[in-house]
Amino acid sequence: MPTKEEALAERTHKQEGIEVEKRIFYTLHGEGKSPQRGEGQTHRNSKAIALLFKMLLEKRILTEDQLDEILLEVTW
């Protein structure tokens, strides 16, 4: 079983010295060495967004009302 650092390097392009936005894009899009593991791009993107919103809520950067507004906006 790979260590956390090995997994980050292999699956999230951590050791490649690229800009953070490219690292995130390549990881979510499944480019290069990132394994697909049967998950679709939509699933990966949705999971990443959900985790980000959860973190923003927990840190009180985003309010529950703001989250509600965002979610309503994307359902139209």
Protein backbone atom coordinates (compact mmCIF):
# COMPACT_ATOMS: atom_id res chain seq x y z
CA MET A 1 0.00 0.00 0.00
CA PRO A 2 1.48 3.38 -0.98
CA THR A 3 2.17 6.05 1.60
CA LYS A 4 0.07 9.22 1.60
CA GLU A 5 2.89 11.13 -0.12
CA GLU A 6 3.27 8.43 -2.78
CA ALA A 7 -0.49 8.43 -3.40
CA LEU A 8 -0.55 12.22 -3.66
CA ALA A 9 2.32 12.18 -6.15
CA GLU A 10 0.83 9.35 -8.20
CA ARG A 11 -2.83 10.32 -8.19
CA THR A 12 -2.86 14.11 -7.74
CA HIS A 13 0.28 15.31 -9.56
CA LYS A 14 1.67 16.76 -6.30
CA GLN A 15 5.38 16.34 -7.09
CA GLU A 16 5.22 17.61 -10.67
CA GLY A 17 5.81 21.28 -9.82
CA ILE A 18 2.75 22.55 -11.67
CA GLU A 19 0.43 25.40 -10.70
CA VAL A 20 -2.30 24.51 -8.20
CA GLU A 21 -5.11 25.14 -10.69
CA LYS A 22 -3.54 22.73 -13.20
CA ARG A 23 -2.98 20.13 -10.48
CA ILE A 24 -6.63 20.34 -9.45
CA PHE A 25 -7.84 20.27 -13.07
CA TYR A 26 -5.69 17.27 -14.01
CA THR A 27 -6.74 15.38 -10.89
CA LEU A 28 -10.46 16.01 -11.38
CA HIS A 29 -10.35 15.51 -15.13
CA GLY A 30 -8.34 12.29 -14.86
CA GLU A 31 -5.46 13.44 -17.05
CA GLY A 32 -2.06 11.81 -17.00
CA LYS A 33 -1.40 9.36 -14.19
CA SER A 34 -4.64 9.94 -12.26
CA PRO A 35 -6.56 6.64 -12.17
CA GLN A 36 -10.16 6.70 -13.27
CA ARG A 37 -11.20 3.94 -10.84
CA GLY A 38 -14.56 3.72 -12.59
CA GLU A 39 -15.61 7.16 -11.39
CA GLY A 40 -16.84 9.61 -13.95
CA GLN A 41 -15.68 13.18 -14.24
CA THR A 42 -19.05 14.45 -12.99
CA HIS A 43 -18.73 12.38 -9.83
CA ARG A 44 -15.20 13.62 -9.12
CA ASN A 45 -16.16 17.25 -9.72
CA SER A 46 -19.28 17.00 -7.57
CA LYS A 47 -17.37 15.36 -4.74
CA ALA A 48 -14.64 18.02 -4.84
CA ILE A 49 -17.21 20.83 -4.79
CA ALA A 50 -19.11 19.18 -1.93
CA LEU A 51 -15.93 18.83 0.14
CA LEU A 52 -14.98 22.44 -0.58
CA PHE A 53 -18.40 23.75 0.49
CA LYS A 54 -18.30 21.61 3.62
CA MET A 55 -14.92 23.08 4.54
CA LEU A 56 -16.09 26.64 3.83
CA LEU A 57 -19.15 26.10 6.04
CA GLU A 58 -17.09 24.58 8.85
CA LYS A 59 -14.66 27.53 8.75
CA ARG A 60 -17.63 29.93 8.70
CA ILE A 61 -16.43 31.51 5.46
CA LEU A 62 -19.75 30.58 3.85
CA THR A 63 -23.10 30.77 5.63
CA GLU A 64 -25.91 28.26 5.37
CA ASP A 65 -28.02 30.93 3.65
CA GLN A 66 -25.28 31.55 1.08
CA LEU A 67 -25.01 27.83 0.41
CA ASP A 68 -28.79 27.64 -0.02
CA GLU A 69 -28.64 30.48 -2.55
CA ILE A 70 -25.85 28.80 -4.50
CA LEU A 71 -27.68 25.49 -4.59
CA LEU A 72 -30.92 27.15 -5.68
CA GLU A 73 -29.05 29.03 -8.41
CA VAL A 74 -27.60 25.87 -9.90
CA THR A 75 -31.00 24.15 -10.01
CA TRP A 76 -32.61 26.68 -12.37
